[in-house]
Amino acid sequence: MTIIGITCLYEQEGQALLPHHYFRAVEKAGGVPVLLPPLGSEDAVPELVGFLDGLILAGGGDIDPLYFGEEATPATGLISPERDWFEITLARRALAAGRPILGICRGMQVLNVAAGGDIHQDIGTAGARVKHFQDAPRWYPTHAVHVYPGTRLAVILGERELRVNSFHHQAVRRLAPGLRAAALAVDGIVEAVEGTGRPFVLGVQFHPESMWERYPIFLELFAALVEAARRNRSPVKLLTGDGLAGIE
């Protein structure tokens, strides 16, 4: 089994939720999805990272600007302190452990912040000229992105130009050490980042989980994560009647 953890949305009423498109994509790609509610114990995070073969940081609301040294502006929207703490702590641990990571929309921003970068609290201050929060259906691609040749993203998708969906008003600003831009929108907004080292680290600003059933090329992102996690995983110990037995 290749176990892929997926972080959850966390509502103020205390509900941890996740659209089914995420875990269906992981399942279709050959992984075993495990949903991750925002845990409150720092001691539990390293154990969780040890259990997982790979990680998806899912989309959602805004990140508290406290994590990159700023005060919230009037444009900052709904913040979940529990989710912010958990995901940033989890991402840092997963990066340190070399776990394969895929960040989606907010998840790409969390990845960048956790690794030492920051974000625009609102892309209006970044000179955005493209509609980055669409009113079209979630599966529908509404703007183009340019994928840099030679990047991991280009190898996975085999494309130089893509059309993607878009549901964000924040965006990556200063890239974290060890990350590089892999794709840009026509107005210069960063649409994908990736690690410059050997472990699989990739973030996309769009939502491939909402598109893959109609546009199968986007399933390749999940397949690449699952394959990287499969190659990366350590033998798992299971408790059997005779004690601990190692299995692949």
Protein backbone atom coordinates (compact mmCIF):
# COMPACT_ATOMS: atom_id res chain seq x y z
CA MET A 1 0.00 0.00 0.00
CA THR A 2 1.10 3.52 -0.79
CA ILE A 3 -0.51 5.76 1.83
CA ILE A 4 -1.23 9.35 0.84
CA GLY A 5 -2.41 11.72 3.55
CA ILE A 6 -4.76 14.54 2.51
CA THR A 7 -5.37 17.51 4.79
CA CYS A 8 -8.95 18.57 5.39
CA LEU A 9 -10.89 21.80 5.42
CA TYR A 10 -11.78 22.78 8.97
CA GLU A 11 -14.95 24.76 9.61
CA GLN A 12 -15.63 27.01 12.59
CA GLU A 13 -18.31 24.57 13.75
CA GLY A 14 -15.53 22.02 14.29
CA GLN A 15 -16.17 19.90 11.21
CA ALA A 16 -13.27 18.47 9.20
CA LEU A 17 -14.37 18.11 5.57
CA LEU A 18 -12.89 17.16 2.19
CA PRO A 19 -14.47 17.13 -1.29
CA HIS A 20 -14.52 13.59 -2.66
CA HIS A 21 -12.59 14.57 -5.82
CA TYR A 22 -9.34 14.57 -3.83
CA PHE A 23 -9.48 11.05 -2.47
CA ARG A 24 -11.03 9.65 -5.66
CA ALA A 25 -8.05 11.03 -7.61
CA VAL A 26 -5.57 9.39 -5.22
CA GLU A 27 -7.49 6.10 -5.40
CA LYS A 28 -7.62 6.25 -9.21
CA ALA A 29 -3.87 6.92 -9.27
CA GLY A 30 -3.19 3.77 -7.24
CA GLY A 31 -2.72 5.23 -3.78
CA VAL A 32 -4.58 4.68 -0.52
CA PRO A 33 -5.98 8.04 0.65
CA VAL A 34 -6.08 8.87 4.36
CA LEU A 35 -7.89 12.03 5.47
CA LEU A 36 -6.01 14.19 7.96
CA PRO A 37 -8.04 16.41 10.32
CA PRO A 38 -6.08 19.23 12.00
CA LEU A 39 -4.46 17.59 14.99
CA GLY A 40 -3.58 19.74 17.98
CA SER A 41 -0.64 17.80 19.37
CA GLU A 42 2.86 18.57 18.14
CA ASP A 43 4.00 15.15 19.37
CA ALA A 44 1.58 13.45 16.98
CA VAL A 45 2.91 15.14 13.85
CA PRO A 46 6.25 13.28 13.51
CA GLU A 47 4.46 9.97 14.09
CA LEU A 48 1.98 10.90 11.38
CA VAL A 49 4.78 11.81 8.96
CA GLY A 50 6.41 8.46 9.70
CA PHE A 51 3.16 6.68 8.85
CA LEU A 52 2.56 8.47 5.54
CA ASP A 53 4.27 7.72 2.23
CA GLY A 54 3.17 11.00 0.67
CA LEU A 55 1.15 14.12 1.45
CA ILE A 56 -1.41 16.34 -0.27
CA LEU A 57 -1.97 19.81 1.19
CA ALA A 58 -5.52 20.58 0.09
CA GLY A 59 -7.15 23.85 -0.90
CA GLY A 60 -9.20 26.09 1.36
CA GLY A 61 -9.22 29.49 3.06
CA ASP A 62 -6.56 32.10 3.74
CA ILE A 63 -3.34 31.66 5.72
CA ASP A 64 -2.85 33.81 8.81
CA PRO A 65 -0.27 36.46 7.78
CA LEU A 66 1.33 36.00 11.22
CA TYR A 67 3.17 33.04 9.68
CA PHE A 68 5.06 35.31 7.31
CA GLY A 69 5.46 38.31 9.60
CA GLU A 70 2.60 40.58 8.48
CA GLU A 71 -0.61 42.00 9.86
CA ALA A 72 -3.83 41.00 8.13
CA THR A 73 -5.07 43.45 5.51
CA PRO A 74 -8.79 44.13 4.86
CA ALA A 75 -8.63 41.69 1.94
CA THR A 76 -7.70 38.72 4.13
CA GLY A 77 -10.60 36.30 4.40
CA LEU A 78 -11.59 33.40 6.66
CA ILE A 79 -8.70 32.02 8.72
CA SER A 80 -8.58 28.70 10.58
CA PRO A 81 -5.89 28.89 13.30
CA GLU A 82 -6.08 25.16 13.99
CA ARG A 83 -5.65 24.27 10.34
CA ASP A 84 -2.85 26.79 9.76
CA TRP A 85 -0.80 25.48 12.69
CA PHE A 86 -1.32 21.84 11.79
CA GLU A 87 -0.60 22.14 8.09
CA ILE A 88 2.47 24.34 8.43
CA THR A 89 3.88 22.10 11.16
CA LEU A 90 3.07 19.00 9.09
CA ALA A 91 4.57 20.47 5.91
CA ARG A 92 7.81 21.39 7.69
CA ARG A 93 8.12 17.90 9.15
CA ALA A 94 7.32 16.26 5.80
CA LEU A 95 9.87 18.43 4.00
CA ALA A 96 12.52 17.59 6.59
CA ALA A 97 11.73 13.88 6.24
CA GLY A 98 11.87 13.97 2.44
CA ARG A 99 8.26 12.89 1.98
CA PRO A 100 6.74 13.52 -1.47
CA ILE A 101 4.33 16.48 -1.28
CA LEU A 102 1.69 17.90 -3.61
CA GLY A 103 0.21 21.27 -2.60
CA ILE A 104 -3.05 22.37 -4.21
CA CYS A 105 -4.13 26.04 -4.29
CA ARG A 106 -3.95 27.06 -0.61
CA GLY A 107 -1.75 23.99 -0.21
CA MET A 108 0.84 25.48 -2.56
CA GLN A 109 0.84 28.65 -0.48
CA VAL A 110 1.16 26.65 2.76
CA LEU A 111 4.09 24.77 1.24
CA ASN A 112 5.85 28.02 0.33
CA VAL A 113 5.24 29.62 3.73
CA ALA A 114 6.29 26.47 5.61
CA ALA A 115 9.55 26.39 3.64
CA GLY A 116 10.34 30.05 4.41
CA GLY A 117 8.63 32.06 1.67
CA ASP A 118 5.62 34.36 1.76
CA ILE A 119 2.47 35.25 -0.18
CA HIS A 120 0.51 38.21 -1.47
CA GLN A 121 -2.43 38.67 0.88
CA ASP A 122 -4.39 39.73 -2.20
CA ILE A 123 -3.31 39.50 -5.82
CA GLY A 124 -4.82 42.91 -6.50
CA THR A 125 -1.61 44.31 -4.98
CA ALA A 126 0.45 42.13 -7.32
CA GLY A 127 -0.89 43.66 -10.53
CA ALA A 128 -3.13 40.72 -11.44
CA ARG A 129 -4.89 41.27 -14.76
CA VAL A 130 -6.52 37.85 -15.07
CA LYS A 131 -9.68 36.70 -13.29
CA HIS A 132 -8.24 34.34 -10.68
CA PHE A 133 -11.51 33.52 -8.91
CA GLN A 134 -13.81 32.20 -11.57
CA ASP A 135 -17.59 32.14 -11.65
CA ALA A 136 -17.57 29.22 -14.11
CA PRO A 137 -18.06 25.60 -12.94
CA ARG A 138 -15.17 24.22 -10.88
CA TRP A 139 -14.12 21.76 -13.59
CA TYR A 140 -13.93 24.40 -16.31
CA PRO A 141 -10.52 25.87 -17.29
CA THR A 142 -10.75 29.66 -17.46
CA HIS A 143 -7.20 30.96 -18.00
CA ALA A 144 -3.88 29.94 -19.49
CA VAL A 145 -0.62 29.16 -17.71
CA HIS A 146 2.85 28.85 -19.18
CA VAL A 147 4.81 25.84 -17.92
CA TYR A 148 8.56 26.31 -17.88
CA PRO A 149 10.35 23.70 -20.01
CA GLY A 150 12.64 21.33 -18.16
CA THR A 151 10.67 21.51 -14.91
CA ARG A 152 9.21 18.50 -13.12
CA LEU A 153 5.76 19.86 -13.94
CA ALA A 154 6.57 19.93 -17.66
CA VAL A 155 7.83 16.34 -17.51
CA ILE A 156 4.68 15.16 -15.72
CA LEU A 157 2.19 16.95 -17.94
CA GLY A 158 4.16 17.03 -21.18
CA GLU A 159 2.81 20.50 -21.86
CA ARG A 160 4.20 24.01 -22.31
CA GLU A 161 0.80 25.72 -22.18
CA LEU A 162 -2.22 24.71 -20.11
CA ARG A 163 -5.64 26.06 -19.39
CA VAL A 164 -6.63 25.69 -15.76
CA ASN A 165 -9.40 26.53 -13.32
CA SER A 166 -8.85 29.21 -10.69
CA PHE A 167 -10.24 29.91 -7.20
CA HIS A 168 -7.81 32.11 -5.27
CA HIS A 169 -7.20 35.69 -4.27
CA GLN A 170 -3.84 35.08 -2.57
CA ALA A 171 -0.69 34.01 -4.38
CA VAL A 172 2.96 33.15 -3.87
CA ARG A 173 5.18 36.23 -3.61
CA ARG A 174 8.72 35.48 -2.41
CA LEU A 175 9.70 31.91 -3.18
CA ALA A 176 11.10 29.89 -0.31
CA PRO A 177 14.69 28.65 -0.45
CA GLY A 178 14.72 25.35 -2.30
CA LEU A 179 11.63 26.15 -4.39
CA ARG A 180 11.39 27.54 -7.91
CA ALA A 181 8.53 28.70 -10.10
CA ALA A 182 7.38 26.03 -12.55
CA ALA A 183 4.49 27.89 -14.21
CA LEU A 184 3.12 31.43 -14.49
CA ALA A 185 -0.18 32.95 -15.56
CA VAL A 186 0.00 35.54 -18.33
CA ASP A 187 -0.11 38.32 -15.71
CA GLY A 188 2.92 36.93 -13.87
CA ILE A 189 1.09 35.25 -10.98
CA VAL A 190 2.92 32.08 -9.92
CA GLU A 191 0.79 29.07 -10.87
CA ALA A 192 3.14 26.25 -9.84
CA VAL A 193 6.24 25.76 -7.69
CA GLU A 194 8.54 22.79 -7.26
CA GLY A 195 11.49 21.69 -5.20
CA THR A 196 14.96 22.05 -6.64
CA GLY A 197 16.28 18.97 -4.80
CA ARG A 198 15.64 15.28 -5.34
CA PRO A 199 12.47 14.66 -3.26
CA PHE A 200 9.12 15.15 -5.02
CA VAL A 201 7.86 18.57 -3.94
CA LEU A 202 5.27 20.23 -6.17
CA GLY A 203 2.58 22.87 -5.72
CA VAL A 204 -0.08 24.05 -8.16
CA GLN A 205 -2.29 27.10 -7.75
CA PHE A 206 -5.18 25.55 -9.65
CA HIS A 207 -7.43 22.62 -8.67
CA PRO A 208 -6.57 19.45 -10.64
CA GLU A 209 -8.83 17.36 -8.38
CA SER A 210 -11.83 19.17 -9.87
CA MET A 211 -10.66 18.71 -13.46
CA TRP A 212 -9.20 15.22 -13.87
CA GLU A 213 -12.45 13.41 -14.62
CA ARG A 214 -13.05 15.63 -17.66
CA TYR A 215 -9.40 16.33 -18.48
CA PRO A 216 -7.41 13.17 -17.66
CA ILE A 217 -4.05 14.93 -18.06
CA PHE A 218 -4.54 16.38 -14.56
CA LEU A 219 -4.70 12.90 -13.04
CA GLU A 220 -1.00 12.64 -13.96
CA LEU A 221 -0.18 14.96 -11.05
CA PHE A 222 -1.68 12.48 -8.58
CA ALA A 223 -0.10 9.53 -10.38
CA ALA A 224 3.32 11.19 -10.16
CA LEU A 225 2.86 11.79 -6.42
CA VAL A 226 1.77 8.21 -5.77
CA GLU A 227 4.69 6.82 -7.78
CA ALA A 228 7.19 9.06 -5.96
CA ALA A 229 5.66 7.99 -2.63
CA ARG A 230 5.82 4.33 -3.61
CA ARG A 231 9.53 4.62 -4.46
CA ASN A 232 10.22 6.62 -1.32
CA ARG A 233 8.44 4.53 1.28
CA SER A 234 10.16 2.51 3.98
CA PRO A 235 9.09 -1.00 5.00
CA VAL A 236 5.96 -0.85 7.16
CA LYS A 237 5.77 -2.77 10.41
CA LEU A 238 2.56 -4.65 11.13
CA LEU A 239 1.66 -6.29 14.41
CA THR A 240 1.01 -9.97 13.77
CA GLY A 241 0.33 -12.94 16.00
CA ASP A 242 4.07 -13.67 16.06
CA GLY A 243 5.13 -10.08 16.78
CA LEU A 244 6.35 -7.41 14.36
CA ALA A 245 6.82 -8.40 10.74
CA GLY A 246 8.26 -6.13 8.05
CA ILE A 247 6.38 -5.91 4.78
CA GLU A 248 6.86 -3.91 1.59
